[in-house]
Amino acid sequence: MAVPKRKTSQAKTASRKSANMKKSAPALSVCPQCHQAKMPHRVCPNCNYYDGKEIVASEK
């Protein structure tokens, strides 16, 4: 089993982890039915519509 010979410095660790800090929040689009923000290419969590059709039967 491989074991490091020296302790990894803080700069080396921080530079390796810095790639994850560049990630941004996911993009949002507007639902054409209810005009609420939703993730693109997903069923709207508010009105259960996708591509102009009701996908999940609402219990309202």
N, C-alpha and C. Protein backbone atom coordinates (compact mmCIF):
# COMPACT_ATOMS: atom_id res chain seq x y z
N MET A 1 0.84 -1.18 0.00
CA MET A 1 0.00 0.00 0.00
C MET A 1 0.89 1.24 0.00
N ALA A 2 0.59 2.19 -0.85
CA ALA A 2 1.41 3.41 -0.96
C ALA A 2 1.15 4.34 0.20
N VAL A 3 2.24 4.84 0.77
CA VAL A 3 2.16 5.77 1.89
C VAL A 3 2.99 6.99 1.54
N PRO A 4 2.47 8.22 1.74
CA PRO A 4 3.26 9.40 1.41
C PRO A 4 4.50 9.51 2.29
N LYS A 5 5.60 9.94 1.68
CA LYS A 5 6.85 10.07 2.42
C LYS A 5 6.90 11.36 3.22
N ARG A 6 6.23 12.40 2.73
CA ARG A 6 6.21 13.70 3.40
C ARG A 6 4.77 14.18 3.56
N LYS A 7 4.56 15.06 4.52
CA LYS A 7 3.24 15.66 4.75
C LYS A 7 2.91 16.58 3.57
N THR A 8 1.68 16.52 3.09
CA THR A 8 1.24 17.41 2.01
C THR A 8 1.05 18.81 2.57
N SER A 9 1.67 19.78 1.92
CA SER A 9 1.60 21.16 2.41
C SER A 9 0.20 21.74 2.25
N GLN A 10 -0.07 22.80 2.99
CA GLN A 10 -1.38 23.44 2.93
C GLN A 10 -1.61 24.06 1.56
N ALA A 11 -0.57 24.60 0.94
CA ALA A 11 -0.70 25.21 -0.39
C ALA A 11 -1.06 24.16 -1.44
N LYS A 12 -0.44 23.00 -1.33
CA LYS A 12 -0.71 21.92 -2.28
C LYS A 12 -2.15 21.43 -2.13
N THR A 13 -2.59 21.28 -0.90
CA THR A 13 -3.96 20.84 -0.64
C THR A 13 -4.97 21.87 -1.11
N ALA A 14 -4.71 23.16 -0.84
CA ALA A 14 -5.63 24.23 -1.23
C ALA A 14 -5.72 24.35 -2.75
N SER A 15 -4.59 24.20 -3.45
CA SER A 15 -4.63 24.32 -4.91
C SER A 15 -5.38 23.14 -5.53
N ARG A 16 -5.33 21.97 -4.91
CA ARG A 16 -6.07 20.82 -5.42
C ARG A 16 -7.57 21.00 -5.21
N LYS A 17 -7.95 21.58 -4.08
CA LYS A 17 -9.36 21.78 -3.77
C LYS A 17 -9.96 23.01 -4.45
N SER A 18 -9.14 23.87 -5.01
CA SER A 18 -9.64 25.13 -5.57
C SER A 18 -10.52 24.92 -6.80
N ALA A 19 -10.37 23.79 -7.49
CA ALA A 19 -11.19 23.54 -8.68
C ALA A 19 -12.66 23.43 -8.32
N ASN A 20 -12.97 22.92 -7.12
CA ASN A 20 -14.37 22.79 -6.71
C ASN A 20 -14.97 24.12 -6.29
N MET A 21 -14.16 25.09 -5.94
CA MET A 21 -14.67 26.39 -5.52
C MET A 21 -15.12 27.24 -6.70
N LYS A 22 -14.76 26.85 -7.91
CA LYS A 22 -15.11 27.61 -9.10
C LYS A 22 -16.52 27.30 -9.59
N LYS A 23 -17.14 26.27 -9.05
CA LYS A 23 -18.47 25.87 -9.51
C LYS A 23 -19.49 26.92 -9.13
N SER A 24 -20.41 27.18 -10.04
CA SER A 24 -21.45 28.18 -9.80
C SER A 24 -22.79 27.50 -9.56
N ALA A 25 -23.75 28.28 -9.20
CA ALA A 25 -25.09 27.76 -8.95
C ALA A 25 -25.71 27.29 -10.27
N PRO A 26 -26.61 26.31 -10.24
CA PRO A 26 -27.21 25.82 -11.48
C PRO A 26 -28.08 26.89 -12.14
N ALA A 27 -28.14 26.83 -13.45
CA ALA A 27 -28.95 27.79 -14.20
C ALA A 27 -30.42 27.53 -13.97
N LEU A 28 -31.21 28.57 -14.01
CA LEU A 28 -32.65 28.45 -13.83
C LEU A 28 -33.36 29.01 -15.05
N SER A 29 -34.48 28.43 -15.40
CA SER A 29 -35.32 28.94 -16.47
C SER A 29 -36.71 29.21 -15.90
N VAL A 30 -37.56 29.83 -16.70
CA VAL A 30 -38.90 30.20 -16.26
C VAL A 30 -39.90 29.20 -16.84
N CYS A 31 -40.77 28.71 -16.01
CA CYS A 31 -41.82 27.78 -16.45
C CYS A 31 -42.83 28.56 -17.29
N PRO A 32 -43.17 28.10 -18.49
CA PRO A 32 -44.14 28.83 -19.32
C PRO A 32 -45.57 28.75 -18.78
N GLN A 33 -45.88 27.77 -17.93
CA GLN A 33 -47.23 27.63 -17.39
C GLN A 33 -47.47 28.55 -16.20
N CYS A 34 -46.59 28.44 -15.18
CA CYS A 34 -46.84 29.17 -13.93
C CYS A 34 -45.84 30.30 -13.70
N HIS A 35 -44.85 30.44 -14.57
CA HIS A 35 -43.86 31.52 -14.52
C HIS A 35 -43.02 31.50 -13.24
N GLN A 36 -42.80 30.33 -12.69
CA GLN A 36 -41.91 30.16 -11.54
C GLN A 36 -40.55 29.69 -12.05
N ALA A 37 -39.50 29.94 -11.27
CA ALA A 37 -38.17 29.49 -11.64
C ALA A 37 -38.07 27.98 -11.47
N LYS A 38 -37.44 27.32 -12.46
CA LYS A 38 -37.24 25.87 -12.39
C LYS A 38 -35.94 25.55 -13.10
N MET A 39 -35.42 24.36 -12.86
CA MET A 39 -34.22 23.92 -13.56
C MET A 39 -34.59 23.53 -14.98
N PRO A 40 -33.74 23.83 -15.96
CA PRO A 40 -34.07 23.50 -17.34
C PRO A 40 -34.14 21.99 -17.57
N HIS A 41 -35.00 21.58 -18.48
CA HIS A 41 -35.21 20.18 -18.87
C HIS A 41 -35.68 19.33 -17.70
N ARG A 42 -36.44 19.90 -16.78
CA ARG A 42 -37.00 19.18 -15.65
C ARG A 42 -38.49 19.51 -15.54
N VAL A 43 -39.24 18.65 -14.91
CA VAL A 43 -40.65 18.91 -14.63
C VAL A 43 -40.71 20.05 -13.62
N CYS A 44 -41.62 20.98 -13.82
CA CYS A 44 -41.77 22.11 -12.90
C CYS A 44 -42.28 21.58 -11.55
N PRO A 45 -41.60 21.87 -10.45
CA PRO A 45 -42.07 21.37 -9.15
C PRO A 45 -43.33 22.07 -8.66
N ASN A 46 -43.65 23.21 -9.24
CA ASN A 46 -44.81 23.97 -8.79
C ASN A 46 -46.11 23.49 -9.46
N CYS A 47 -46.08 23.34 -10.79
CA CYS A 47 -47.31 23.00 -11.52
C CYS A 47 -47.28 21.62 -12.18
N ASN A 48 -46.16 20.90 -12.10
CA ASN A 48 -46.01 19.54 -12.65
C ASN A 48 -46.18 19.48 -14.16
N TYR A 49 -45.79 20.54 -14.87
CA TYR A 49 -45.86 20.56 -16.32
C TYR A 49 -44.47 20.46 -16.92
N TYR A 50 -44.37 19.81 -18.09
CA TYR A 50 -43.14 19.78 -18.87
C TYR A 50 -43.53 19.77 -20.34
N ASP A 51 -42.97 20.67 -21.10
CA ASP A 51 -43.21 20.78 -22.54
C ASP A 51 -44.70 20.97 -22.85
N GLY A 52 -45.39 21.73 -22.00
CA GLY A 52 -46.80 22.04 -22.24
C GLY A 52 -47.77 20.94 -21.85
N LYS A 53 -47.28 19.86 -21.26
CA LYS A 53 -48.16 18.76 -20.86
C LYS A 53 -48.02 18.49 -19.37
N GLU A 54 -49.12 18.11 -18.72
CA GLU A 54 -49.06 17.77 -17.31
C GLU A 54 -48.48 16.36 -17.18
N ILE A 55 -47.35 16.24 -16.50
CA ILE A 55 -46.67 14.97 -16.40
C ILE A 55 -47.11 14.19 -15.15
N VAL A 56 -47.13 14.85 -14.02
CA VAL A 56 -47.53 14.21 -12.76
C VAL A 56 -48.89 14.75 -12.39
N ALA A 57 -49.83 13.89 -12.12
CA ALA A 57 -51.17 14.34 -11.75
C ALA A 57 -51.10 15.05 -10.42
N SER A 58 -51.57 16.29 -10.38
CA SER A 58 -51.54 17.06 -9.14
C SER A 58 -52.70 16.65 -8.24
N GLU A 59 -52.47 16.77 -6.93
CA GLU A 59 -53.48 16.37 -5.94
C GLU A 59 -54.25 17.56 -5.42
N LYS A 60 -54.35 18.62 -6.19
CA LYS A 60 -55.03 19.84 -5.74
C LYS A 60 -56.50 19.77 -6.05
